[in-house]
Amino acid sequence: MGLKQRIENLGPYQSLFLLAVPTATVEPLKLVAVAVAGEGHWIAGTAMIVTCYLLSLILVERLFVVVKPKLLTIPWFAKLWTTILAVRTWAAASFRRLREGTS
């Protein structure tokens, strides 16, 4: 059985935990990278930020795509996700109206 199949066979809360671990690791590292850059080590800080964003994009995003169906079976997560999508849709429509010059 492949890794993707194993992940797909996890329960909803196991999937949430699996997603939380890399997210809880990568996101604070972004703040550390900003602090490193703020201390004058801007090359190292920039490299850390780029690395963290790549890890977020590659690992966390792809993992979320795999576990999302399981996560949506958790009622509070499904409601949160629906709210996030509604806010995103509203914001995109607002920016479109601003760009077109109407309100």
PDB file of N, CA and C in Angstrom:
ATOM      1  N   MET A   1       0.840  -1.174   0.000  1.00  0.00           N
ATOM      2  CA  MET A   1       0.000   0.000   0.000  1.00  0.00           C
ATOM      3  C   MET A   1       0.889   1.242   0.000  1.00  0.00           C
ATOM      4  N   GLY A   2       0.581   2.183  -0.885  1.00  0.00           N
ATOM      5  CA  GLY A   2       1.374   3.399  -0.987  1.00  0.00           C
ATOM      6  C   GLY A   2       1.068   4.383   0.117  1.00  0.00           C
ATOM      7  N   LEU A   3       1.913   5.381   0.229  1.00  0.00           N
ATOM      8  CA  LEU A   3       1.762   6.394   1.268  1.00  0.00           C
ATOM      9  C   LEU A   3       0.442   7.154   1.114  1.00  0.00           C
ATOM     10  N   LYS A   4       0.094   7.504  -0.119  1.00  0.00           N
ATOM     11  CA  LYS A   4      -1.154   8.235  -0.346  1.00  0.00           C
ATOM     12  C   LYS A   4      -2.353   7.415   0.110  1.00  0.00           C
ATOM     13  N   GLN A   5      -2.352   6.117  -0.187  1.00  0.00           N
ATOM     14  CA  GLN A   5      -3.452   5.251   0.240  1.00  0.00           C
ATOM     15  C   GLN A   5      -3.516   5.153   1.752  1.00  0.00           C
ATOM     16  N   ARG A   6      -2.378   5.062   2.385  1.00  0.00           N
ATOM     17  CA  ARG A   6      -2.357   5.003   3.856  1.00  0.00           C
ATOM     18  C   ARG A   6      -2.949   6.272   4.452  1.00  0.00           C
ATOM     19  N   ILE A   7      -2.581   7.402   3.884  1.00  0.00           N
ATOM     20  CA  ILE A   7      -3.102   8.676   4.370  1.00  0.00           C
ATOM     21  C   ILE A   7      -4.606   8.750   4.134  1.00  0.00           C
ATOM     22  N   GLU A   8      -5.067   8.305   2.966  1.00  0.00           N
ATOM     23  CA  GLU A   8      -6.496   8.322   2.658  1.00  0.00           C
ATOM     24  C   GLU A   8      -7.291   7.400   3.578  1.00  0.00           C
ATOM     25  N   ASN A   9      -6.665   6.368   4.117  1.00  0.00           N
ATOM     26  CA  ASN A   9      -7.348   5.424   5.003  1.00  0.00           C
ATOM     27  C   ASN A   9      -7.421   5.894   6.455  1.00  0.00           C
ATOM     28  N   LEU A  10      -6.787   7.020   6.771  1.00  0.00           N
ATOM     29  CA  LEU A  10      -6.844   7.551   8.127  1.00  0.00           C
ATOM     30  C   LEU A  10      -8.237   8.094   8.421  1.00  0.00           C
ATOM     31  N   GLY A  11      -8.563   8.158   9.693  1.00  0.00           N
ATOM     32  CA  GLY A  11      -9.822   8.759  10.114  1.00  0.00           C
ATOM     33  C   GLY A  11      -9.737  10.277  10.036  1.00  0.00           C
ATOM     34  N   PRO A  12     -10.871  10.954  10.252  1.00  0.00           N
ATOM     35  CA  PRO A  12     -10.873  12.416  10.133  1.00  0.00           C
ATOM     36  C   PRO A  12      -9.947  13.124  11.132  1.00  0.00           C
ATOM     37  N   TYR A  13      -9.967  12.707  12.391  1.00  0.00           N
ATOM     38  CA  TYR A  13      -9.124  13.381  13.384  1.00  0.00           C
ATOM     39  C   TYR A  13      -7.657  13.000  13.239  1.00  0.00           C
ATOM     40  N   GLN A  14      -7.388  11.797  12.770  1.00  0.00           N
ATOM     41  CA  GLN A  14      -6.003  11.418  12.468  1.00  0.00           C
ATOM     42  C   GLN A  14      -5.484  12.262  11.300  1.00  0.00           C
ATOM     43  N   SER A  15      -6.337  12.498  10.309  1.00  0.00           N
ATOM     44  CA  SER A  15      -5.968  13.338   9.168  1.00  0.00           C
ATOM     45  C   SER A  15      -5.698  14.768   9.611  1.00  0.00           C
ATOM     46  N   LEU A  16      -6.530  15.269  10.531  1.00  0.00           N
ATOM     47  CA  LEU A  16      -6.337  16.619  11.055  1.00  0.00           C
ATOM     48  C   LEU A  16      -5.009  16.727  11.782  1.00  0.00           C
ATOM     49  N   PHE A  17      -4.688  15.735  12.587  1.00  0.00           N
ATOM     50  CA  PHE A  17      -3.412  15.731  13.306  1.00  0.00           C
ATOM     51  C   PHE A  17      -2.242  15.665  12.326  1.00  0.00           C
ATOM     52  N   LEU A  18      -2.382  14.803  11.307  1.00  0.00           N
ATOM     53  CA  LEU A  18      -1.326  14.666  10.306  1.00  0.00           C
ATOM     54  C   LEU A  18      -1.078  15.988   9.587  1.00  0.00           C
ATOM     55  N   LEU A  19      -2.117  16.735   9.321  1.00  0.00           N
ATOM     56  CA  LEU A  19      -1.983  18.036   8.668  1.00  0.00           C
ATOM     57  C   LEU A  19      -1.442  19.089   9.630  1.00  0.00           C
ATOM     58  N   ALA A  20      -1.800  18.966  10.890  1.00  0.00           N
ATOM     59  CA  ALA A  20      -1.392  19.966  11.881  1.00  0.00           C
ATOM     60  C   ALA A  20       0.105  19.919  12.178  1.00  0.00           C
ATOM     61  N   VAL A  21       0.698  18.747  12.112  1.00  0.00           N
ATOM     62  CA  VAL A  21       2.116  18.622  12.465  1.00  0.00           C
ATOM     63  C   VAL A  21       3.021  19.437  11.533  1.00  0.00           C
ATOM     64  N   PRO A  22       2.956  19.248  10.211  1.00  0.00           N
ATOM     65  CA  PRO A  22       3.840  20.089   9.376  1.00  0.00           C
ATOM     66  C   PRO A  22       3.435  21.561   9.380  1.00  0.00           C
ATOM     67  N   THR A  23       2.145  21.834   9.514  1.00  0.00           N
ATOM     68  CA  THR A  23       1.698  23.228   9.564  1.00  0.00           C
ATOM     69  C   THR A  23       2.237  23.907  10.813  1.00  0.00           C
ATOM     70  N   ALA A  24       2.164  23.216  11.935  1.00  0.00           N
ATOM     71  CA  ALA A  24       2.652  23.775  13.199  1.00  0.00           C
ATOM     72  C   ALA A  24       4.167  23.906  13.212  1.00  0.00           C
ATOM     73  N   THR A  25       4.839  23.227  12.326  1.00  0.00           N
ATOM     74  CA  THR A  25       6.295  23.325  12.232  1.00  0.00           C
ATOM     75  C   THR A  25       6.711  24.433  11.271  1.00  0.00           C
ATOM     76  N   VAL A  26       6.092  24.475  10.105  1.00  0.00           N
ATOM     77  CA  VAL A  26       6.507  25.411   9.058  1.00  0.00           C
ATOM     78  C   VAL A  26       6.101  26.847   9.376  1.00  0.00           C
ATOM     79  N   GLU A  27       4.894  27.058   9.874  1.00  0.00           N
ATOM     80  CA  GLU A  27       4.422  28.432  10.098  1.00  0.00           C
ATOM     81  C   GLU A  27       5.272  29.194  11.117  1.00  0.00           C
ATOM     82  N   PRO A  28       5.602  28.622  12.277  1.00  0.00           N
ATOM     83  CA  PRO A  28       6.486  29.364  13.191  1.00  0.00           C
ATOM     84  C   PRO A  28       7.878  29.608  12.611  1.00  0.00           C
ATOM     85  N   LEU A  29       8.340  28.713  11.755  1.00  0.00           N
ATOM     86  CA  LEU A  29       9.655  28.921  11.135  1.00  0.00           C
ATOM     87  C   LEU A  29       9.672  30.155  10.243  1.00  0.00           C
ATOM     88  N   LYS A  30       8.526  30.510   9.685  1.00  0.00           N
ATOM     89  CA  LYS A  30       8.442  31.735   8.882  1.00  0.00           C
ATOM     90  C   LYS A  30       8.705  32.953   9.769  1.00  0.00           C
ATOM     91  N   LEU A  31       8.155  32.927  10.978  1.00  0.00           N
ATOM     92  CA  LEU A  31       8.394  34.033  11.909  1.00  0.00           C
ATOM     93  C   LEU A  31       9.853  34.083  12.345  1.00  0.00           C
ATOM     94  N   VAL A  32      10.444  32.931  12.563  1.00  0.00           N
ATOM     95  CA  VAL A  32      11.862  32.868  12.910  1.00  0.00           C
ATOM     96  C   VAL A  32      12.695  33.437  11.769  1.00  0.00           C
ATOM     97  N   ALA A  33      12.328  33.118  10.549  1.00  0.00           N
ATOM     98  CA  ALA A  33      13.062  33.629   9.390  1.00  0.00           C
ATOM     99  C   ALA A  33      12.994  35.151   9.320  1.00  0.00           C
ATOM    100  N   VAL A  34      11.834  35.720   9.629  1.00  0.00           N
ATOM    101  CA  VAL A  34      11.699  37.178   9.644  1.00  0.00           C
ATOM    102  C   VAL A  34      12.588  37.773  10.743  1.00  0.00           C
ATOM    103  N   ALA A  35      12.632  37.114  11.888  1.00  0.00           N
ATOM    104  CA  ALA A  35      13.485  37.586  12.985  1.00  0.00           C
ATOM    105  C   ALA A  35      14.960  37.515  12.595  1.00  0.00           C
ATOM    106  N   VAL A  36      15.350  36.443  11.913  1.00  0.00           N
ATOM    107  CA  VAL A  36      16.734  36.301  11.459  1.00  0.00           C
ATOM    108  C   VAL A  36      17.074  37.420  10.481  1.00  0.00           C
ATOM    109  N   ALA A  37      16.160  37.688   9.548  1.00  0.00           N
ATOM    110  CA  ALA A  37      16.390  38.772   8.589  1.00  0.00           C
ATOM    111  C   ALA A  37      16.448  40.120   9.307  1.00  0.00           C
ATOM    112  N   GLY A  38      15.604  40.276  10.326  1.00  0.00           N
ATOM    113  CA  GLY A  38      15.573  41.523  11.088  1.00  0.00           C
ATOM    114  C   GLY A  38      16.840  41.770  11.897  1.00  0.00           C
ATOM    115  N   GLU A  39      17.569  40.727  12.196  1.00  0.00           N
ATOM    116  CA  GLU A  39      18.828  40.851  12.929  1.00  0.00           C
ATOM    117  C   GLU A  39      19.993  41.206  12.007  1.00  0.00           C
ATOM    118  N   GLY A  40      19.703  41.393  10.729  1.00  0.00           N
ATOM    119  CA  GLY A  40      20.747  41.779   9.796  1.00  0.00           C
ATOM    120  C   GLY A  40      21.253  40.649   8.917  1.00  0.00           C
ATOM    121  N   HIS A  41      20.790  39.455   9.158  1.00  0.00           N
ATOM    122  CA  HIS A  41      21.182  38.309   8.329  1.00  0.00           C
ATOM    123  C   HIS A  41      20.146  38.118   7.226  1.00  0.00           C
ATOM    124  N   TRP A  42      20.078  39.103   6.329  1.00  0.00           N
ATOM    125  CA  TRP A  42      18.985  39.113   5.372  1.00  0.00           C
ATOM    126  C   TRP A  42      19.089  38.011   4.329  1.00  0.00           C
ATOM    127  N   ILE A  43      20.279  37.571   3.988  1.00  0.00           N
ATOM    128  CA  ILE A  43      20.415  36.480   3.020  1.00  0.00           C
ATOM    129  C   ILE A  43      19.925  35.169   3.641  1.00  0.00           C
ATOM    130  N   ALA A  44      20.373  34.890   4.854  1.00  0.00           N
ATOM    131  CA  ALA A  44      19.922  33.672   5.540  1.00  0.00           C
ATOM    132  C   ALA A  44      18.419  33.739   5.816  1.00  0.00           C
ATOM    133  N   GLY A  45      17.929  34.904   6.242  1.00  0.00           N
ATOM    134  CA  GLY A  45      16.503  35.071   6.502  1.00  0.00           C
ATOM    135  C   GLY A  45      15.669  34.885   5.259  1.00  0.00           C
ATOM    136  N   THR A  46      16.128  35.456   4.156  1.00  0.00           N
ATOM    137  CA  THR A  46      15.408  35.299   2.890  1.00  0.00           C
ATOM    138  C   THR A  46      15.417  33.847   2.442  1.00  0.00           C
ATOM    139  N   ALA A  47      16.536  33.181   2.570  1.00  0.00           N
ATOM    140  CA  ALA A  47      16.616  31.764   2.199  1.00  0.00           C
ATOM    141  C   ALA A  47      15.675  30.925   3.065  1.00  0.00           C
ATOM    142  N   MET A  48      15.606  31.256   4.354  1.00  0.00           N
ATOM    143  CA  MET A  48      14.698  30.525   5.242  1.00  0.00           C
ATOM    144  C   MET A  48      13.247  30.761   4.859  1.00  0.00           C
ATOM    145  N   ILE A  49      12.896  32.003   4.565  1.00  0.00           N
ATOM    146  CA  ILE A  49      11.515  32.324   4.184  1.00  0.00           C
ATOM    147  C   ILE A  49      11.134  31.592   2.905  1.00  0.00           C
ATOM    148  N   VAL A  50      12.013  31.632   1.913  1.00  0.00           N
ATOM    149  CA  VAL A  50      11.740  30.942   0.649  1.00  0.00           C
ATOM    150  C   VAL A  50      11.577  29.441   0.886  1.00  0.00           C
ATOM    151  N   THR A  51      12.448  28.867   1.695  1.00  0.00           N
ATOM    152  CA  THR A  51      12.363  27.435   2.003  1.00  0.00           C
ATOM    153  C   THR A  51      11.059  27.103   2.720  1.00  0.00           C
ATOM    154  N   CYS A  52      10.687  27.918   3.679  1.00  0.00           N
ATOM    155  CA  CYS A  52       9.441  27.674   4.417  1.00  0.00           C
ATOM    156  C   CYS A  52       8.225  27.763   3.501  1.00  0.00           C
ATOM    157  N   TYR A  53       8.211  28.754   2.622  1.00  0.00           N
ATOM    158  CA  TYR A  53       7.080  28.871   1.695  1.00  0.00           C
ATOM    159  C   TYR A  53       7.041  27.700   0.727  1.00  0.00           C
ATOM    160  N   LEU A  54       8.191  27.241   0.278  1.00  0.00           N
ATOM    161  CA  LEU A  54       8.217  26.063  -0.596  1.00  0.00           C
ATOM    162  C   LEU A  54       7.701  24.822   0.131  1.00  0.00           C
ATOM    163  N   LEU A  55       8.130  24.648   1.374  1.00  0.00           N
ATOM    164  CA  LEU A  55       7.624  23.525   2.166  1.00  0.00           C
ATOM    165  C   LEU A  55       6.118  23.627   2.354  1.00  0.00           C
ATOM    166  N   SER A  56       5.634  24.828   2.630  1.00  0.00           N
ATOM    167  CA  SER A  56       4.200  25.038   2.771  1.00  0.00           C
ATOM    168  C   SER A  56       3.478  24.676   1.485  1.00  0.00           C
ATOM    169  N   LEU A  57       3.992  25.177   0.397  1.00  0.00           N
ATOM    170  CA  LEU A  57       3.339  24.954  -0.882  1.00  0.00           C
ATOM    171  C   LEU A  57       3.370  23.487  -1.291  1.00  0.00           C
ATOM    172  N   ILE A  58       4.513  22.873  -1.166  1.00  0.00           N
ATOM    173  CA  ILE A  58       4.671  21.497  -1.643  1.00  0.00           C
ATOM    174  C   ILE A  58       4.082  20.485  -0.671  1.00  0.00           C
ATOM    175  N   LEU A  59       4.463  20.574   0.583  1.00  0.00           N
ATOM    176  CA  LEU A  59       4.068  19.543   1.549  1.00  0.00           C
ATOM    177  C   LEU A  59       2.669  19.763   2.109  1.00  0.00           C
ATOM    178  N   VAL A  60       2.440  20.910   2.708  1.00  0.00           N
ATOM    179  CA  VAL A  60       1.171  21.145   3.396  1.00  0.00           C
ATOM    180  C   VAL A  60       0.016  21.206   2.406  1.00  0.00           C
ATOM    181  N   GLU A  61       0.190  21.895   1.287  1.00  0.00           N
ATOM    182  CA  GLU A  61      -0.897  22.021   0.318  1.00  0.00           C
ATOM    183  C   GLU A  61      -1.264  20.672  -0.273  1.00  0.00           C
ATOM    184  N   ARG A  62      -0.288  19.882  -0.653  1.00  0.00           N
ATOM    185  CA  ARG A  62      -0.568  18.565  -1.236  1.00  0.00           C
ATOM    186  C   ARG A  62      -1.170  17.618  -0.210  1.00  0.00           C
ATOM    187  N   LEU A  63      -0.710  17.712   1.020  1.00  0.00           N
ATOM    188  CA  LEU A  63      -1.283  16.896   2.083  1.00  0.00           C
ATOM    189  C   LEU A  63      -2.732  17.303   2.337  1.00  0.00           C
ATOM    190  N   PHE A  64      -3.010  18.608   2.309  1.00  0.00           N
ATOM    191  CA  PHE A  64      -4.378  19.075   2.512  1.00  0.00           C
ATOM    192  C   PHE A  64      -5.306  18.540   1.423  1.00  0.00           C
ATOM    193  N   VAL A  65      -4.847  18.522   0.194  1.00  0.00           N
ATOM    194  CA  VAL A  65      -5.671  18.006  -0.898  1.00  0.00           C
ATOM    195  C   VAL A  65      -6.046  16.544  -0.642  1.00  0.00           C
ATOM    196  N   VAL A  66      -5.126  15.769  -0.107  1.00  0.00           N
ATOM    197  CA  VAL A  66      -5.380  14.344   0.151  1.00  0.00           C
ATOM    198  C   VAL A  66      -6.333  14.157   1.331  1.00  0.00           C
ATOM    199  N   VAL A  67      -6.170  14.934   2.398  1.00  0.00           N
ATOM    200  CA  VAL A  67      -6.973  14.710   3.614  1.00  0.00           C
ATOM    201  C   VAL A  67      -8.260  15.537   3.655  1.00  0.00           C
ATOM    202  N   LYS A  68      -8.440  16.458   2.734  1.00  0.00           N
ATOM    203  CA  LYS A  68      -9.607  17.343   2.751  1.00  0.00           C
ATOM    204  C   LYS A  68     -10.942  16.593   2.797  1.00  0.00           C
ATOM    205  N   PRO A  69     -11.157  15.547   2.003  1.00  0.00           N
ATOM    206  CA  PRO A  69     -12.451  14.842   2.099  1.00  0.00           C
ATOM    207  C   PRO A  69     -12.734  14.307   3.507  1.00  0.00           C
ATOM    208  N   LYS A  70     -11.727  13.810   4.178  1.00  0.00           N
ATOM    209  CA  LYS A  70     -11.909  13.323   5.554  1.00  0.00           C
ATOM    210  C   LYS A  70     -12.180  14.483   6.508  1.00  0.00           C
ATOM    211  N   LEU A  71     -11.463  15.581   6.324  1.00  0.00           N
ATOM    212  CA  LEU A  71     -11.643  16.727   7.209  1.00  0.00           C
ATOM    213  C   LEU A  71     -13.051  17.305   7.090  1.00  0.00           C
ATOM    214  N   LEU A  72     -13.612  17.264   5.891  1.00  0.00           N
ATOM    215  CA  LEU A  72     -14.948  17.816   5.691  1.00  0.00           C
ATOM    216  C   LEU A  72     -16.037  16.967   6.344  1.00  0.00           C
ATOM    217  N   THR A  73     -15.693  15.786   6.857  1.00  0.00           N
ATOM    218  CA  THR A  73     -16.663  14.986   7.603  1.00  0.00           C
ATOM    219  C   THR A  73     -16.754  15.434   9.060  1.00  0.00           C
ATOM    220  N   ILE A  74     -15.825  16.281   9.503  1.00  0.00           N
ATOM    221  CA  ILE A  74     -15.873  16.855  10.850  1.00  0.00           C
ATOM    222  C   ILE A  74     -16.772  18.095  10.765  1.00  0.00           C
ATOM    223  N   PRO A  75     -17.886  18.112  11.498  1.00  0.00           N
ATOM    224  CA  PRO A  75     -18.857  19.215  11.339  1.00  0.00           C
ATOM    225  C   PRO A  75     -18.270  20.615  11.530  1.00  0.00           C
ATOM    226  N   TRP A  76     -17.483  20.828  12.576  1.00  0.00           N
ATOM    227  CA  TRP A  76     -16.950  22.160  12.803  1.00  0.00           C
ATOM    228  C   TRP A  76     -15.961  22.565  11.724  1.00  0.00           C
ATOM    229  N   PHE A  77     -15.209  21.593  11.184  1.00  0.00           N
ATOM    230  CA  PHE A  77     -14.258  21.906  10.123  1.00  0.00           C
ATOM    231  C   PHE A  77     -15.004  22.241   8.829  1.00  0.00           C
ATOM    232  N   ALA A  78     -16.062  21.491   8.541  1.00  0.00           N
ATOM    233  CA  ALA A  78     -16.849  21.756   7.328  1.00  0.00           C
ATOM    234  C   ALA A  78     -17.459  23.159   7.384  1.00  0.00           C
ATOM    235  N   LYS A  79     -17.962  23.549   8.557  1.00  0.00           N
ATOM    236  CA  LYS A  79     -18.535  24.889   8.711  1.00  0.00           C
ATOM    237  C   LYS A  79     -17.449  25.960   8.561  1.00  0.00           C
ATOM    238  N   LEU A  80     -16.292  25.732   9.164  1.00  0.00           N
ATOM    239  CA  LEU A  80     -15.178  26.669   9.042  1.00  0.00           C
ATOM    240  C   LEU A  80     -14.736  26.797   7.587  1.00  0.00           C
ATOM    241  N   TRP A  81     -14.621  25.687   6.886  1.00  0.00           N
ATOM    242  CA  TRP A  81     -14.189  25.702   5.489  1.00  0.00           C
ATOM    243  C   TRP A  81     -15.198  26.435   4.611  1.00  0.00           C
ATOM    244  N   THR A  82     -16.492  26.208   4.865  1.00  0.00           N
ATOM    245  CA  THR A  82     -17.542  26.896   4.109  1.00  0.00           C
ATOM    246  C   THR A  82     -17.461  28.400   4.345  1.00  0.00           C
ATOM    247  N   THR A  83     -17.219  28.802   5.577  1.00  0.00           N
ATOM    248  CA  THR A  83     -17.092  30.221   5.905  1.00  0.00           C
ATOM    249  C   THR A  83     -15.879  30.836   5.213  1.00  0.00           C
ATOM    250  N   ILE A  84     -14.764  30.132   5.233  1.00  0.00           N
ATOM    251  CA  ILE A  84     -13.548  30.625   4.571  1.00  0.00           C
ATOM    252  C   ILE A  84     -13.790  30.809   3.075  1.00  0.00           C
ATOM    253  N   LEU A  85     -14.444  29.843   2.455  1.00  0.00           N
ATOM    254  CA  LEU A  85     -14.737  29.965   1.023  1.00  0.00           C
ATOM    255  C   LEU A  85     -15.682  31.124   0.740  1.00  0.00           C
ATOM    256  N   ALA A  86     -16.666  31.343   1.608  1.00  0.00           N
ATOM    257  CA  ALA A  86     -17.605  32.453   1.416  1.00  0.00           C
ATOM    258  C   ALA A  86     -16.886  33.796   1.528  1.00  0.00           C
ATOM    259  N   VAL A  87     -16.004  33.927   2.505  1.00  0.00           N
ATOM    260  CA  VAL A  87     -15.239  35.172   2.674  1.00  0.00           C
ATOM    261  C   VAL A  87     -14.318  35.389   1.478  1.00  0.00           C
ATOM    262  N   ARG A  88     -13.683  34.323   1.017  1.00  0.00           N
ATOM    263  CA  ARG A  88     -12.799  34.444  -0.145  1.00  0.00           C
ATOM    264  C   ARG A  88     -13.580  34.876  -1.390  1.00  0.00           C
ATOM    265  N   THR A  89     -14.754  34.294  -1.581  1.00  0.00           N
ATOM    266  CA  THR A  89     -15.593  34.657  -2.731  1.00  0.00           C
ATOM    267  C   THR A  89     -16.034  36.110  -2.641  1.00  0.00           C
ATOM    268  N   TRP A  90     -16.446  36.541  -1.433  1.00  0.00           N
ATOM    269  CA  TRP A  90     -16.858  37.926  -1.226  1.00  0.00           C
ATOM    270  C   TRP A  90     -15.701  38.885  -1.499  1.00  0.00           C
ATOM    271  N   ALA A  91     -14.513  38.560  -0.996  1.00  0.00           N
ATOM    272  CA  ALA A  91     -13.346  39.430  -1.193  1.00  0.00           C
ATOM    273  C   ALA A  91     -12.979  39.520  -2.672  1.00  0.00           C
ATOM    274  N   ALA A  92     -13.002  38.398  -3.361  1.00  0.00           N
ATOM    275  CA  ALA A  92     -12.671  38.407  -4.791  1.00  0.00           C
ATOM    276  C   ALA A  92     -13.683  39.243  -5.572  1.00  0.00           C
ATOM    277  N   ALA A  93     -14.967  39.110  -5.243  1.00  0.00           N
ATOM    278  CA  ALA A  93     -15.990  39.900  -5.922  1.00  0.00           C
ATOM    279  C   ALA A  93     -15.820  41.390  -5.615  1.00  0.00           C
ATOM    280  N   SER A  94     -15.465  41.723  -4.383  1.00  0.00           N
ATOM    281  CA  SER A  94     -15.246  43.123  -4.014  1.00  0.00           C
ATOM    282  C   SER A  94     -14.076  43.727  -4.788  1.00  0.00           C
ATOM    283  N   PHE A  95     -12.977  42.981  -4.893  1.00  0.00           N
ATOM    284  CA  PHE A  95     -11.828  43.473  -5.655  1.00  0.00           C
ATOM    285  C   PHE A  95     -12.152  43.619  -7.134  1.00  0.00           C
ATOM    286  N   ARG A  96     -12.953  42.690  -7.655  1.00  0.00           N
ATOM    287  CA  ARG A  96     -13.358  42.786  -9.063  1.00  0.00           C
ATOM    288  C   ARG A  96     -14.166  44.050  -9.290  1.00  0.00           C
ATOM    289  N   ARG A  97     -15.103  44.337  -8.371  1.00  0.00           N
ATOM    290  CA  ARG A  97     -15.922  45.552  -8.502  1.00  0.00           C
ATOM    291  C   ARG A  97     -15.056  46.799  -8.400  1.00  0.00           C
ATOM    292  N   LEU A  98     -14.082  46.788  -7.504  1.00  0.00           N
ATOM    293  CA  LEU A  98     -13.180  47.946  -7.384  1.00  0.00           C
ATOM    294  C   LEU A  98     -12.364  48.148  -8.652  1.00  0.00           C
ATOM    295  N   ARG A  99     -11.911  47.071  -9.218  1.00  0.00           N
ATOM    296  CA  ARG A  99     -11.117  47.171 -10.437  1.00  0.00           C
ATOM    297  C   ARG A  99     -11.942  47.700 -11.597  1.00  0.00           C
ATOM    298  N   GLU A 100     -13.242  47.327 -11.614  1.00  0.00           N
ATOM    299  CA  GLU A 100     -14.118  47.776 -12.685  1.00  0.00           C
ATOM    300  C   GLU A 100     -14.629  49.185 -12.442  1.00  0.00           C
ATOM    301  N   GLY A 101     -14.418  49.712 -11.226  1.00  0.00           N
ATOM    302  CA  GLY A 101     -14.813  51.070 -10.927  1.00  0.00           C
ATOM    303  C   GLY A 101     -16.227  51.218 -10.390  1.00  0.00           C
ATOM    304  N   THR A 102     -16.848  50.105  -9.995  1.00  0.00           N
ATOM    305  CA  THR A 102     -18.186  50.177  -9.403  1.00  0.00           C
ATOM    306  C   THR A 102     -18.129  49.726  -7.964  1.00  0.00           C
ATOM    307  N   SER A 103     -19.141  50.079  -7.187  1.00  0.00           N
ATOM    308  CA  SER A 103     -19.144  49.620  -5.796  1.00  0.00           C
ATOM    309  C   SER A 103     -20.443  49.022  -5.390  1.00  0.00           C
TER     310      SER A 103
END
